[in-house]
N, C-alpha and C. Protein backbone atom coordinates (compact mmCIF):
# COMPACT_ATOMS: atom_id res chain seq x y z
N LEU A 1 2.81 -68.14 0.55
CA LEU A 1 1.76 -68.13 0.92
C LEU A 1 0.67 -67.60 0.09
N VAL A 2 -0.53 -68.21 0.48
CA VAL A 2 -1.29 -68.12 -0.81
C VAL A 2 -2.58 -67.48 -0.26
N ASP A 3 -2.67 -66.04 -0.30
CA ASP A 3 -3.81 -65.24 0.20
C ASP A 3 -3.14 -64.88 1.51
N VAL A 4 -3.51 -63.47 2.21
CA VAL A 4 -3.27 -62.93 3.48
C VAL A 4 -4.82 -62.50 3.98
N PRO A 5 -5.38 -62.89 4.54
CA PRO A 5 -6.58 -62.13 5.54
C PRO A 5 -6.17 -60.62 6.11
N PRO A 6 -7.21 -59.79 6.35
CA PRO A 6 -6.90 -58.72 6.94
C PRO A 6 -6.40 -58.79 8.27
N ASP A 7 -6.52 -59.58 9.25
CA ASP A 7 -5.92 -59.87 10.32
C ASP A 7 -4.71 -61.07 10.14
N PRO A 8 -3.37 -60.81 9.79
CA PRO A 8 -2.69 -61.63 9.52
C PRO A 8 -1.97 -62.06 10.65
N GLN A 9 -1.92 -61.76 11.77
CA GLN A 9 -1.10 -62.53 12.93
C GLN A 9 -1.17 -63.58 13.38
N VAL A 10 -2.30 -64.73 12.66
CA VAL A 10 -2.31 -65.67 12.88
C VAL A 10 -1.27 -66.89 12.08
N ILE A 11 -1.16 -66.20 11.09
CA ILE A 11 -0.47 -66.50 10.09
C ILE A 11 1.62 -65.91 10.46
N ILE A 12 1.79 -64.67 10.94
CA ILE A 12 2.75 -64.21 11.37
C ILE A 12 3.28 -65.22 12.61
N ASP A 13 2.05 -65.81 13.50
CA ASP A 13 2.50 -66.41 14.64
C ASP A 13 2.93 -68.20 14.20
N PHE A 14 2.17 -68.28 13.23
CA PHE A 14 2.53 -69.82 13.05
C PHE A 14 4.04 -69.72 12.15
N LEU A 15 4.58 -68.63 11.31
CA LEU A 15 5.77 -68.53 10.43
C LEU A 15 7.11 -68.60 11.88
N GLN A 16 6.19 -67.64 12.57
CA GLN A 16 7.61 -67.54 13.79
C GLN A 16 7.93 -69.01 14.72
N GLU A 17 6.74 -69.28 15.18
CA GLU A 17 6.93 -70.84 15.70
C GLU A 17 7.57 -71.77 15.04
N ASN A 18 7.60 -71.93 13.99
CA ASN A 18 8.46 -72.69 12.93
C ASN A 18 9.07 -72.36 12.07
N SER A 19 9.81 -71.19 12.67
CA SER A 19 11.08 -70.53 12.15
C SER A 19 11.28 -70.33 10.78
N LEU A 20 9.94 -69.81 10.15
CA LEU A 20 10.06 -69.59 8.36
C LEU A 20 9.70 -68.25 7.94
N THR A 21 10.05 -68.02 7.20
CA THR A 21 10.61 -66.68 6.66
C THR A 21 10.02 -66.51 5.24
N PRO A 22 8.35 -65.89 4.80
CA PRO A 22 8.03 -65.84 3.78
C PRO A 22 9.02 -65.50 2.44
N VAL A 23 8.62 -65.51 1.52
CA VAL A 23 9.85 -65.37 0.12
C VAL A 23 8.93 -64.61 -0.79
N ALA A 24 7.67 -65.30 -0.98
CA ALA A 24 6.65 -64.73 -1.84
C ALA A 24 5.33 -65.00 -1.10
N ILE A 25 4.02 -63.89 -1.85
CA ILE A 25 2.85 -63.88 -1.57
C ILE A 25 2.15 -64.18 -2.91
N ILE A 26 1.27 -65.17 -3.07
CA ILE A 26 0.39 -65.09 -4.13
C ILE A 26 -0.87 -65.14 -3.74
N ALA A 27 -1.57 -64.09 -4.42
CA ALA A 27 -2.70 -63.63 -4.52
C ALA A 27 -4.01 -64.32 -5.30
N THR A 28 -4.92 -65.07 -4.99
CA THR A 28 -5.79 -65.61 -5.85
C THR A 28 -6.94 -64.58 -6.77
N HIS A 29 -6.73 -63.40 -5.86
CA HIS A 29 -8.04 -62.27 -6.53
C HIS A 29 -7.42 -61.36 -5.24
N GLY A 30 -8.15 -59.89 -5.68
CA GLY A 30 -7.90 -58.72 -4.87
C GLY A 30 -8.71 -58.34 -3.90
N HIS A 31 -9.99 -59.33 -3.76
CA HIS A 31 -10.82 -59.06 -2.74
C HIS A 31 -9.95 -58.90 -1.38
N ILE A 32 -10.41 -57.66 -0.10
CA ILE A 32 -9.63 -57.90 0.77
C ILE A 32 -9.71 -58.76 1.95
N ASP A 33 -10.80 -59.35 2.11
CA ASP A 33 -10.55 -61.20 2.72
C ASP A 33 -9.42 -61.72 2.22
N HIS A 34 -8.84 -61.65 1.27
CA HIS A 34 -7.87 -62.50 0.83
C HIS A 34 -6.34 -61.95 0.58
N THR A 35 -6.46 -60.47 0.46
CA THR A 35 -4.98 -59.72 0.58
C THR A 35 -4.97 -58.21 1.33
N GLY A 36 -5.96 -58.08 2.26
CA GLY A 36 -5.83 -57.02 3.41
C GLY A 36 -4.75 -56.97 3.86
N GLY A 37 -4.07 -58.25 4.76
CA GLY A 37 -3.04 -58.26 5.72
C GLY A 37 -1.80 -58.56 4.67
N ILE A 38 -1.58 -58.22 3.30
CA ILE A 38 -0.48 -58.30 2.82
C ILE A 38 0.39 -57.32 3.51
N PRO A 39 0.37 -55.99 3.19
CA PRO A 39 1.21 -54.80 3.41
C PRO A 39 1.37 -55.38 5.01
N THR A 40 0.69 -55.66 6.10
CA THR A 40 1.08 -55.84 7.23
C THR A 40 2.22 -57.01 7.75
N LEU A 41 2.13 -58.11 6.76
CA LEU A 41 2.82 -59.50 6.73
C LEU A 41 4.24 -58.82 6.42
N VAL A 42 4.03 -58.10 5.00
CA VAL A 42 5.39 -58.10 4.46
C VAL A 42 6.26 -56.91 5.29
N GLU A 43 5.68 -56.07 5.76
CA GLU A 43 6.44 -55.14 6.66
C GLU A 43 7.27 -55.70 8.12
N HIS A 44 6.62 -56.80 8.22
CA HIS A 44 7.21 -57.67 9.40
C HIS A 44 8.30 -58.02 9.61
N ASP A 45 8.98 -57.82 10.86
CA ASP A 45 10.63 -58.36 10.97
C ASP A 45 10.55 -59.49 11.31
N PHE A 46 10.77 -60.53 10.40
CA PHE A 46 10.96 -62.25 10.49
C PHE A 46 12.44 -62.15 10.85
N PRO A 47 12.71 -63.55 11.34
CA PRO A 47 14.38 -63.47 11.81
C PRO A 47 15.03 -63.80 10.80
N GLY A 48 14.60 -64.39 9.35
CA GLY A 48 15.06 -64.62 8.10
C GLY A 48 15.61 -63.01 7.56
N ASN A 49 14.80 -62.23 7.77
CA ASN A 49 14.75 -61.21 7.14
C ASN A 49 16.10 -60.75 6.46
N GLN A 50 17.41 -60.92 7.53
CA GLN A 50 18.53 -60.21 7.65
C GLN A 50 18.94 -60.67 6.25
N ASN A 51 18.74 -61.71 6.06
CA ASN A 51 19.73 -62.54 4.70
C ASN A 51 18.87 -62.09 3.17
N ARG A 52 17.61 -61.74 3.50
CA ARG A 52 17.23 -61.37 2.27
C ARG A 52 17.28 -59.72 1.99
N PRO A 53 17.52 -59.44 0.92
CA PRO A 53 17.55 -57.80 0.44
C PRO A 53 16.52 -57.17 0.46
N ARG A 54 15.22 -57.43 0.44
CA ARG A 54 13.87 -57.00 0.17
C ARG A 54 12.69 -57.90 0.99
N GLN A 55 11.57 -57.17 0.76
CA GLN A 55 10.55 -58.11 1.11
C GLN A 55 10.14 -58.92 0.32
N PRO A 56 8.90 -59.75 0.55
CA PRO A 56 8.47 -60.82 -0.11
C PRO A 56 7.89 -60.22 -1.33
N SER A 57 8.05 -61.01 -2.69
CA SER A 57 7.50 -60.63 -3.52
C SER A 57 6.01 -60.61 -3.69
N VAL A 58 4.65 -59.97 -4.19
CA VAL A 58 3.83 -60.42 -3.96
C VAL A 58 3.24 -60.80 -5.61
N HIS A 59 2.65 -61.59 -5.90
CA HIS A 59 2.05 -61.82 -7.13
C HIS A 59 0.55 -61.84 -7.27
N ILE A 60 -0.02 -60.94 -7.95
CA ILE A 60 -1.33 -61.04 -8.34
C ILE A 60 -1.70 -60.52 -10.05
N HIS A 61 -2.77 -60.97 -10.28
CA HIS A 61 -2.77 -60.94 -11.90
C HIS A 61 -3.22 -59.22 -11.90
N ARG A 62 -2.49 -58.83 -13.16
CA ARG A 62 -2.42 -57.27 -13.41
C ARG A 62 -4.14 -56.57 -13.29
N ASP A 63 -5.11 -57.36 -13.66
CA ASP A 63 -6.45 -57.13 -13.77
C ASP A 63 -7.31 -57.04 -12.38
N ASP A 64 -6.40 -57.30 -11.69
CA ASP A 64 -7.11 -57.46 -9.98
C ASP A 64 -5.85 -56.07 -9.16
N MET A 65 -5.01 -55.75 -9.66
CA MET A 65 -4.25 -54.81 -9.18
C MET A 65 -4.73 -53.48 -8.58
N ASN A 66 -5.98 -53.03 -9.12
CA ASN A 66 -6.53 -51.96 -8.39
C ASN A 66 -6.88 -52.34 -7.10
N TYR A 67 -7.15 -53.24 -6.33
CA TYR A 67 -7.56 -53.87 -5.36
C TYR A 67 -6.51 -53.65 -4.14
N LEU A 68 -5.22 -53.50 -4.61
CA LEU A 68 -4.30 -53.34 -3.87
C LEU A 68 -3.79 -51.84 -4.13
N LEU A 69 -3.85 -51.27 -4.99
CA LEU A 69 -4.04 -49.88 -5.46
C LEU A 69 -4.95 -48.88 -4.01
N ASP A 70 -6.28 -49.54 -4.26
CA ASP A 70 -7.46 -48.51 -3.28
C ASP A 70 -8.07 -49.92 -2.77
N PRO A 71 -7.65 -50.47 -1.73
CA PRO A 71 -8.54 -51.20 -1.26
C PRO A 71 -9.56 -51.27 -0.77
N ILE A 72 -9.91 -50.16 -0.12
CA ILE A 72 -11.15 -49.39 0.30
C ILE A 72 -12.24 -49.03 -1.03
N GLY A 73 -11.43 -48.22 -1.35
CA GLY A 73 -12.42 -47.50 -2.82
C GLY A 73 -12.83 -48.80 -3.79
N SER A 74 -11.82 -49.83 -3.90
CA SER A 74 -12.56 -51.08 -4.82
C SER A 74 -13.03 -51.82 -4.08
N SER A 75 -13.70 -51.90 -2.86
CA SER A 75 -14.53 -53.01 -2.31
C SER A 75 -14.98 -51.99 -1.01
N PRO A 76 -15.75 -51.28 -1.15
CA PRO A 76 -16.45 -50.56 -0.01
C PRO A 76 -17.26 -51.31 0.98
N MET A 77 -17.51 -52.87 1.16
CA MET A 77 -17.93 -53.13 2.18
C MET A 77 -17.16 -53.71 2.86
N LEU A 78 -16.18 -54.22 2.44
CA LEU A 78 -15.16 -54.94 2.97
C LEU A 78 -14.30 -54.06 3.15
N GLY A 79 -13.95 -52.85 2.52
CA GLY A 79 -12.75 -52.15 2.69
C GLY A 79 -12.82 -51.27 3.82
N GLU A 80 -14.05 -51.10 4.47
CA GLU A 80 -14.32 -50.49 5.87
C GLU A 80 -13.82 -51.34 7.11
N ALA A 81 -13.88 -52.72 6.79
CA ALA A 81 -13.55 -53.99 7.99
C ALA A 81 -12.14 -53.09 8.29
N LEU A 82 -11.12 -52.96 7.39
CA LEU A 82 -9.84 -52.78 6.80
C LEU A 82 -9.29 -51.51 7.54
N ARG A 83 -10.68 -50.65 7.67
CA ARG A 83 -10.24 -48.98 7.68
C ARG A 83 -10.16 -48.99 9.32
N ALA A 84 -11.61 -50.36 9.73
CA ALA A 84 -11.44 -50.10 10.92
C ALA A 84 -10.54 -51.15 11.90
N ALA A 85 -9.98 -51.83 11.30
CA ALA A 85 -9.05 -52.47 11.87
C ALA A 85 -7.57 -51.58 12.36
N GLY A 86 -7.49 -50.60 11.46
CA GLY A 86 -6.56 -49.96 11.65
C GLY A 86 -5.09 -50.51 11.19
N LEU A 87 -5.42 -51.30 10.02
CA LEU A 87 -3.86 -52.34 9.86
C LEU A 87 -3.27 -51.41 8.37
N SER A 88 -1.92 -51.61 8.25
CA SER A 88 -1.15 -50.78 7.03
C SER A 88 -2.11 -51.09 5.62
N ARG A 89 -1.87 -50.01 5.14
CA ARG A 89 -2.71 -50.27 3.59
C ARG A 89 -1.14 -49.69 2.63
N LYS A 90 -0.25 -49.83 3.24
CA LYS A 90 1.09 -49.05 2.33
C LYS A 90 1.18 -50.07 1.23
N LEU A 91 1.64 -49.98 0.04
CA LEU A 91 1.52 -50.61 -0.84
C LEU A 91 3.27 -51.72 -0.84
N PRO A 92 3.02 -52.92 -1.08
CA PRO A 92 4.21 -53.64 -0.99
C PRO A 92 5.35 -53.26 -2.28
N GLU A 93 6.62 -53.24 -1.80
CA GLU A 93 7.58 -52.97 -2.39
C GLU A 93 7.54 -53.82 -3.81
N MET A 94 7.40 -54.85 -3.82
CA MET A 94 7.78 -56.02 -4.99
C MET A 94 6.36 -56.47 -5.29
N ILE A 95 5.98 -56.05 -6.23
CA ILE A 95 4.60 -56.46 -6.67
C ILE A 95 5.08 -56.91 -8.18
N GLU A 96 4.59 -58.70 -8.52
CA GLU A 96 4.78 -59.28 -10.02
C GLU A 96 3.85 -59.48 -10.86
N LEU A 97 2.95 -58.51 -11.40
CA LEU A 97 1.90 -58.98 -12.26
C LEU A 97 1.79 -60.25 -13.15
N ILE A 98 0.74 -60.74 -12.77
CA ILE A 98 0.62 -61.89 -13.65
C ILE A 98 -0.51 -61.58 -14.83
N ASP A 99 0.25 -62.43 -16.21
CA ASP A 99 -0.33 -61.93 -17.29
C ASP A 99 -1.10 -63.35 -17.66
N SER A 100 -2.60 -63.16 -17.86
CA SER A 100 -2.96 -64.88 -18.10
C SER A 100 -2.58 -65.96 -17.53
N ASP A 101 -2.51 -67.07 -18.51
CA ASP A 101 -1.68 -68.04 -17.61
C ASP A 101 -0.05 -67.87 -18.05
N THR A 102 0.22 -68.42 -16.74
CA THR A 102 2.08 -68.23 -16.52
C THR A 102 2.49 -68.99 -15.48
N SER A 103 3.85 -69.15 -15.37
CA SER A 103 4.54 -70.27 -14.43
C SER A 103 5.51 -69.00 -13.65
N PHE A 104 5.91 -69.29 -12.48
CA PHE A 104 6.93 -69.06 -11.99
C PHE A 104 7.46 -69.88 -10.69
N SER A 105 8.38 -69.51 -10.21
CA SER A 105 8.95 -70.59 -8.87
C SER A 105 8.99 -69.43 -7.27
N GLY A 106 9.34 -70.57 -6.58
CA GLY A 106 9.79 -69.77 -5.21
C GLY A 106 9.52 -70.95 -4.16
N ALA A 107 10.63 -70.43 -3.46
CA ALA A 107 10.67 -71.47 -2.54
C ALA A 107 11.01 -72.87 -2.75
N GLY A 108 11.79 -73.10 -3.98
CA GLY A 108 11.89 -74.08 -4.55
C GLY A 108 10.71 -74.98 -5.18
N MET A 109 9.23 -74.15 -5.21
CA MET A 109 7.97 -74.97 -5.89
C MET A 109 7.94 -74.17 -7.51
N ARG A 110 7.21 -74.80 -7.81
CA ARG A 110 6.96 -73.96 -9.33
C ARG A 110 5.67 -74.14 -9.32
N PHE A 111 4.53 -72.72 -9.82
CA PHE A 111 3.10 -72.68 -9.57
C PHE A 111 2.73 -72.33 -11.24
N SER A 112 1.89 -72.85 -11.54
CA SER A 112 0.85 -72.61 -12.69
C SER A 112 0.04 -71.91 -12.34
N ALA A 113 -0.26 -70.61 -12.84
CA ALA A 113 -0.97 -69.76 -12.77
C ALA A 113 -2.02 -69.91 -14.19
N LEU A 114 -3.29 -69.73 -13.47
CA LEU A 114 -4.67 -70.41 -14.51
C LEU A 114 -5.48 -69.35 -14.20
N GLN A 115 -5.29 -67.99 -15.07
CA GLN A 115 -6.66 -67.26 -14.95
C GLN A 115 -7.94 -67.94 -15.00
N THR A 116 -8.49 -67.57 -14.09
CA THR A 116 -10.06 -68.05 -14.23
C THR A 116 -11.33 -66.38 -13.68
N PRO A 117 -11.36 -65.72 -14.79
CA PRO A 117 -12.28 -64.62 -14.49
C PRO A 117 -13.63 -65.20 -13.83
N GLY A 118 -14.00 -64.21 -13.56
CA GLY A 118 -15.71 -64.17 -13.03
C GLY A 118 -16.04 -64.08 -11.57
N HIS A 119 -15.24 -64.30 -10.47
CA HIS A 119 -15.50 -64.10 -9.32
C HIS A 119 -14.83 -62.42 -9.24
N THR A 120 -13.79 -62.00 -9.69
CA THR A 120 -13.01 -60.92 -10.14
C THR A 120 -12.40 -60.98 -11.21
N PRO A 121 -12.37 -59.96 -11.97
CA PRO A 121 -11.64 -59.83 -13.82
C PRO A 121 -10.49 -60.60 -13.68
N GLY A 122 -9.47 -60.31 -12.05
CA GLY A 122 -8.49 -61.10 -12.36
C GLY A 122 -8.40 -62.42 -11.68
N SER A 123 -9.26 -62.90 -11.22
CA SER A 123 -9.23 -63.88 -10.44
C SER A 123 -8.68 -65.27 -10.90
N THR A 124 -7.43 -65.94 -10.17
CA THR A 124 -6.70 -66.65 -10.77
C THR A 124 -6.28 -67.82 -9.78
N CYS A 125 -6.14 -69.12 -10.23
CA CYS A 125 -5.97 -70.40 -9.90
C CYS A 125 -4.66 -70.64 -9.57
N PHE A 126 -4.16 -71.32 -8.78
CA PHE A 126 -2.50 -71.73 -9.03
C PHE A 126 -2.71 -73.27 -8.45
N LYS A 127 -2.04 -73.69 -9.74
CA LYS A 127 -1.68 -75.32 -9.44
C LYS A 127 0.00 -75.54 -9.32
N LEU A 128 -0.21 -76.42 -8.71
CA LEU A 128 1.09 -76.56 -7.77
C LEU A 128 1.36 -78.30 -7.94
N GLN A 129 2.61 -78.89 -8.83
CA GLN A 129 2.81 -80.02 -8.74
C GLN A 129 4.05 -80.28 -7.71
N LEU A 130 4.08 -81.25 -6.94
CA LEU A 130 4.71 -81.56 -6.01
C LEU A 130 5.35 -83.20 -6.36
N PRO A 131 6.80 -83.64 -6.07
CA PRO A 131 7.43 -84.80 -6.08
C PRO A 131 6.49 -86.08 -5.41
N ASP A 132 5.92 -87.03 -6.12
CA ASP A 132 5.29 -87.82 -5.40
C ASP A 132 3.86 -87.74 -4.69
N HIS A 133 3.40 -86.33 -5.24
CA HIS A 133 2.13 -86.22 -4.63
C HIS A 133 1.17 -85.88 -5.65
N ASP A 134 -0.35 -85.89 -5.69
CA ASP A 134 -1.18 -85.65 -6.29
C ASP A 134 -1.30 -84.11 -6.75
N PRO A 135 -1.45 -83.79 -7.86
CA PRO A 135 -1.51 -82.21 -8.02
C PRO A 135 -2.50 -81.73 -7.11
N LEU A 136 -1.54 -80.43 -6.64
CA LEU A 136 -2.65 -79.39 -6.06
C LEU A 136 -3.87 -78.06 -6.63
N ILE A 137 -4.40 -77.65 -6.18
CA ILE A 137 -4.79 -76.52 -6.75
C ILE A 137 -5.53 -75.26 -6.15
N PHE A 138 -4.69 -74.06 -5.71
CA PHE A 138 -5.18 -72.72 -4.88
C PHE A 138 -6.50 -72.58 -5.77
N THR A 139 -7.83 -72.31 -5.36
CA THR A 139 -8.92 -71.88 -6.05
C THR A 139 -9.19 -70.80 -5.85
N GLY A 140 -9.20 -70.33 -4.71
CA GLY A 140 -9.42 -68.93 -3.98
C GLY A 140 -10.84 -69.02 -3.88
N ASP A 141 -11.85 -67.86 -4.19
CA ASP A 141 -12.89 -67.76 -4.40
C ASP A 141 -13.91 -68.44 -5.86
N HIS A 142 -12.89 -69.32 -6.59
CA HIS A 142 -13.52 -69.71 -7.88
C HIS A 142 -14.42 -70.83 -7.68
N LEU A 143 -13.69 -71.96 -6.87
CA LEU A 143 -14.68 -73.23 -7.05
C LEU A 143 -14.33 -73.69 -5.13
N PHE A 144 -15.39 -73.83 -4.87
CA PHE A 144 -15.24 -74.55 -3.25
C PHE A 144 -15.84 -75.98 -3.59
N ALA A 145 -15.77 -76.40 -2.12
CA ALA A 145 -16.56 -78.01 -2.12
C ALA A 145 -18.50 -77.72 -2.47
N GLY A 146 -18.68 -78.35 -3.76
CA GLY A 146 -20.01 -78.16 -3.61
C GLY A 146 -20.50 -76.68 -4.43
N SER A 147 -19.96 -75.95 -4.28
CA SER A 147 -20.40 -74.42 -4.94
C SER A 147 -19.54 -73.91 -5.50
N ILE A 148 -19.66 -72.43 -6.07
CA ILE A 148 -18.86 -71.99 -6.81
C ILE A 148 -18.62 -70.40 -6.41
N GLY A 149 -17.57 -69.31 -6.69
CA GLY A 149 -17.85 -68.17 -6.31
C GLY A 149 -19.11 -67.11 -6.28
N ARG A 150 -19.33 -66.20 -5.63
CA ARG A 150 -20.29 -65.19 -5.75
C ARG A 150 -20.32 -64.80 -7.03
N THR A 151 -20.65 -63.83 -7.93
CA THR A 151 -20.25 -63.18 -8.82
C THR A 151 -21.38 -61.50 -8.85
N ASP A 152 -22.09 -61.33 -7.94
CA ASP A 152 -22.78 -60.36 -7.68
C ASP A 152 -21.69 -58.73 -7.34
N LEU A 153 -20.30 -59.19 -6.73
CA LEU A 153 -19.87 -58.10 -6.82
C LEU A 153 -19.39 -57.16 -8.12
N ALA A 154 -18.83 -56.23 -7.58
CA ALA A 154 -18.77 -55.23 -9.09
C ALA A 154 -17.52 -56.23 -9.56
N GLY A 155 -17.29 -56.21 -10.71
CA GLY A 155 -16.39 -57.18 -11.67
C GLY A 155 -16.58 -58.53 -12.14
N GLY A 156 -17.72 -58.98 -10.95
CA GLY A 156 -18.13 -60.23 -11.23
C GLY A 156 -19.06 -60.81 -12.41
N SER A 157 -18.71 -61.61 -12.99
CA SER A 157 -19.46 -62.33 -13.98
C SER A 157 -19.93 -63.83 -13.64
N HIS A 158 -20.98 -64.34 -13.91
CA HIS A 158 -21.30 -65.46 -13.65
C HIS A 158 -20.97 -66.39 -15.39
N GLU A 159 -21.52 -65.83 -16.13
CA GLU A 159 -20.83 -66.46 -17.43
C GLU A 159 -19.16 -66.65 -17.80
N LYS A 160 -18.70 -65.68 -17.07
CA LYS A 160 -17.05 -65.70 -17.24
C LYS A 160 -16.91 -67.13 -16.33
N LEU A 161 -17.31 -66.85 -15.08
CA LEU A 161 -16.90 -68.28 -14.12
C LEU A 161 -16.94 -69.38 -14.78
N LEU A 162 -18.45 -69.48 -15.50
CA LEU A 162 -18.74 -70.72 -15.57
C LEU A 162 -17.61 -71.09 -16.87
N GLU A 163 -17.42 -70.37 -17.61
CA GLU A 163 -16.45 -70.59 -19.04
C GLU A 163 -15.08 -70.65 -18.64
N SER A 164 -14.74 -70.06 -17.73
CA SER A 164 -13.23 -70.50 -17.28
C SER A 164 -13.36 -71.80 -16.14
N MET A 165 -14.62 -72.04 -15.89
CA MET A 165 -14.54 -73.52 -15.09
C MET A 165 -14.49 -74.58 -16.03
N ALA A 166 -14.58 -74.25 -17.01
CA ALA A 166 -15.21 -75.63 -17.97
C ALA A 166 -13.94 -75.46 -18.74
N THR A 167 -13.00 -74.19 -19.07
CA THR A 167 -11.85 -74.30 -19.75
C THR A 167 -10.70 -74.49 -19.15
N LYS A 168 -10.86 -74.46 -17.72
CA LYS A 168 -9.28 -74.29 -17.24
C LYS A 168 -9.39 -75.16 -16.05
N ILE A 169 -10.83 -75.80 -15.29
CA ILE A 169 -10.65 -76.48 -14.36
C ILE A 169 -11.38 -77.79 -14.45
N LEU A 170 -12.27 -77.73 -15.27
CA LEU A 170 -12.77 -79.69 -15.71
C LEU A 170 -11.40 -80.35 -16.64
N PRO A 171 -10.34 -79.38 -17.13
CA PRO A 171 -9.61 -80.34 -17.91
C PRO A 171 -8.53 -81.01 -17.03
N LEU A 172 -8.41 -80.47 -15.71
CA LEU A 172 -7.70 -81.22 -14.91
C LEU A 172 -7.90 -82.47 -14.36
N PRO A 173 -6.88 -83.59 -14.01
CA PRO A 173 -7.09 -84.52 -13.36
C PRO A 173 -8.20 -85.03 -12.32
N ASP A 174 -8.75 -85.74 -12.16
CA ASP A 174 -10.08 -85.92 -11.32
C ASP A 174 -8.78 -85.92 -9.64
N SER A 175 -8.16 -86.52 -9.93
CA SER A 175 -6.95 -86.86 -8.68
C SER A 175 -6.74 -85.31 -8.01
N THR A 176 -6.48 -84.20 -9.11
CA THR A 176 -6.22 -83.04 -8.71
C THR A 176 -6.88 -82.03 -6.90
N ILE A 177 -6.22 -81.98 -6.33
CA ILE A 177 -6.87 -81.80 -5.17
C ILE A 177 -7.21 -80.28 -5.07
N VAL A 178 -8.39 -80.08 -4.73
CA VAL A 178 -8.64 -78.43 -4.54
C VAL A 178 -8.44 -78.03 -3.05
N LEU A 179 -7.83 -76.94 -2.99
CA LEU A 179 -7.96 -76.15 -1.63
C LEU A 179 -8.18 -74.55 -2.21
N PRO A 180 -9.94 -74.83 -1.61
CA PRO A 180 -10.46 -73.26 -1.54
C PRO A 180 -9.81 -72.06 -0.77
N GLY A 181 -10.22 -70.99 -1.19
CA GLY A 181 -9.83 -70.18 -0.22
C GLY A 181 -11.05 -70.50 1.14
N HIS A 182 -12.13 -70.99 1.11
CA HIS A 182 -12.82 -70.73 2.20
C HIS A 182 -13.41 -72.41 2.21
N GLY A 183 -13.71 -73.08 3.23
CA GLY A 183 -14.56 -74.08 3.47
C GLY A 183 -12.97 -75.37 3.31
N PRO A 184 -13.94 -76.78 3.34
CA PRO A 184 -12.99 -77.80 3.33
C PRO A 184 -12.22 -78.10 1.58
N ARG A 185 -11.61 -79.17 1.90
CA ARG A 185 -10.55 -79.20 0.62
C ARG A 185 -11.61 -80.40 0.10
N THR A 186 -11.32 -80.42 -1.27
CA THR A 186 -12.08 -81.56 -2.47
C THR A 186 -11.18 -81.99 -3.17
N THR A 187 -12.00 -82.37 -4.01
CA THR A 187 -10.77 -82.88 -5.51
C THR A 187 -11.58 -82.67 -6.68
N VAL A 188 -11.10 -82.15 -8.01
CA VAL A 188 -11.69 -82.12 -9.13
C VAL A 188 -12.37 -83.29 -9.74
N GLY A 189 -12.21 -84.59 -8.67
CA GLY A 189 -13.17 -85.67 -9.44
C GLY A 189 -14.46 -85.51 -8.72
N ILE A 190 -14.22 -85.13 -7.20
CA ILE A 190 -15.50 -85.00 -6.62
C ILE A 190 -16.08 -83.72 -7.22
N GLU A 191 -15.86 -82.64 -7.39
CA GLU A 191 -16.28 -81.74 -8.05
C GLU A 191 -16.96 -81.90 -9.55
N ARG A 192 -16.61 -82.63 -10.13
CA ARG A 192 -17.12 -83.10 -11.19
C ARG A 192 -17.97 -83.81 -11.39
N GLN A 193 -18.20 -84.88 -9.88
CA GLN A 193 -19.35 -85.56 -10.09
C GLN A 193 -20.43 -84.94 -9.31
N THR A 194 -20.31 -84.10 -8.12
CA THR A 194 -21.38 -83.82 -7.36
C THR A 194 -21.60 -82.25 -7.48
N ASN A 195 -20.94 -81.47 -7.46
CA ASN A 195 -20.87 -79.91 -7.55
C ASN A 195 -22.34 -79.89 -8.89
N PRO A 196 -23.11 -79.27 -8.43
CA PRO A 196 -24.29 -78.74 -9.68
C PRO A 196 -23.87 -77.71 -10.53
N TYR A 197 -23.15 -77.18 -10.09
CA TYR A 197 -22.77 -75.77 -11.26
C TYR A 197 -21.83 -76.66 -12.04
N LEU A 198 -20.88 -77.64 -11.49
CA LEU A 198 -19.86 -77.96 -12.83
C LEU A 198 -20.32 -79.52 -13.43
N VAL A 199 -21.64 -79.95 -12.97
CA VAL A 199 -22.37 -81.17 -13.64
C VAL A 199 -22.89 -80.43 -14.55
N GLY A 200 -23.53 -79.34 -14.48
CA GLY A 200 -24.25 -78.76 -15.27
C GLY A 200 -23.34 -78.03 -16.49
N LEU A 201 -21.94 -77.67 -16.83
CA LEU A 201 -21.51 -77.76 -17.31
C LEU A 201 -20.66 -79.23 -18.66
N GLN A 202 -21.28 -80.31 -18.05
CA GLN A 202 -20.88 -81.32 -18.67
C GLN A 202 -21.80 -82.17 -19.53
N THR A 203 -22.93 -81.35 -18.85
CA THR A 203 -24.30 -82.12 -19.91
C THR A 203 -24.99 -81.69 -21.42
C-alpha cells in the first residue's frame, strides 16, 4: 500500500473483498492525510495474518519519522482531525527507515525510493518498474497533474522542492506514469510540457 489516509476503512474493505493481505506500507511523506490510518490498518486482523509472523512493515524516510512519533504535535491542524476521529495512534511494530535514495522489495515488486524534499523534509517518491509496462512513480504531494505540492507548512521549502524536481523527476522518461497523492494520474512527459512549475525549470 502507498499511503494510508486517516480513515482507512475503504482500503480495509477493498482488501477484504479481494482476499488480499497487506505485507508493507510505503509512506510518501509523514502528513496525517497520508499516514493517519497506518496504525489502524496494521492492527486489523486480515484473513492472511495467521500465516505472517508480524504486522506489515512501514517504510518512511527518517526525516519524516517525527510525524509518526507525534502525529498531532507535528501537524497541529491535520492532527486535530485524527484526534476527533478517535483512531489508533499506536506506533507500528515494524518501521523501516529510508535513507536518501534506496531500493527495497515487497510482494514480488521492487521499488526505488527517490528522496524529493520540499513538501516535507523526508518527502519521497517511489518508482516501480513492472514487466511489459511503462514505469510508474508514486509522487505523494510532490508532483500533481498541473501543479506541485504546497511548501507553506512546517518543514516545507519551495526551493528544495524545485531542486529535487529538477534532479529526481525531470530526468525520468516521458513515458513514466505519475500517480499523485491527490488528483488524476499524468505522465512525466505531459508535466514536462504543460506544468508551469516544471516548464520554468527547463528554461
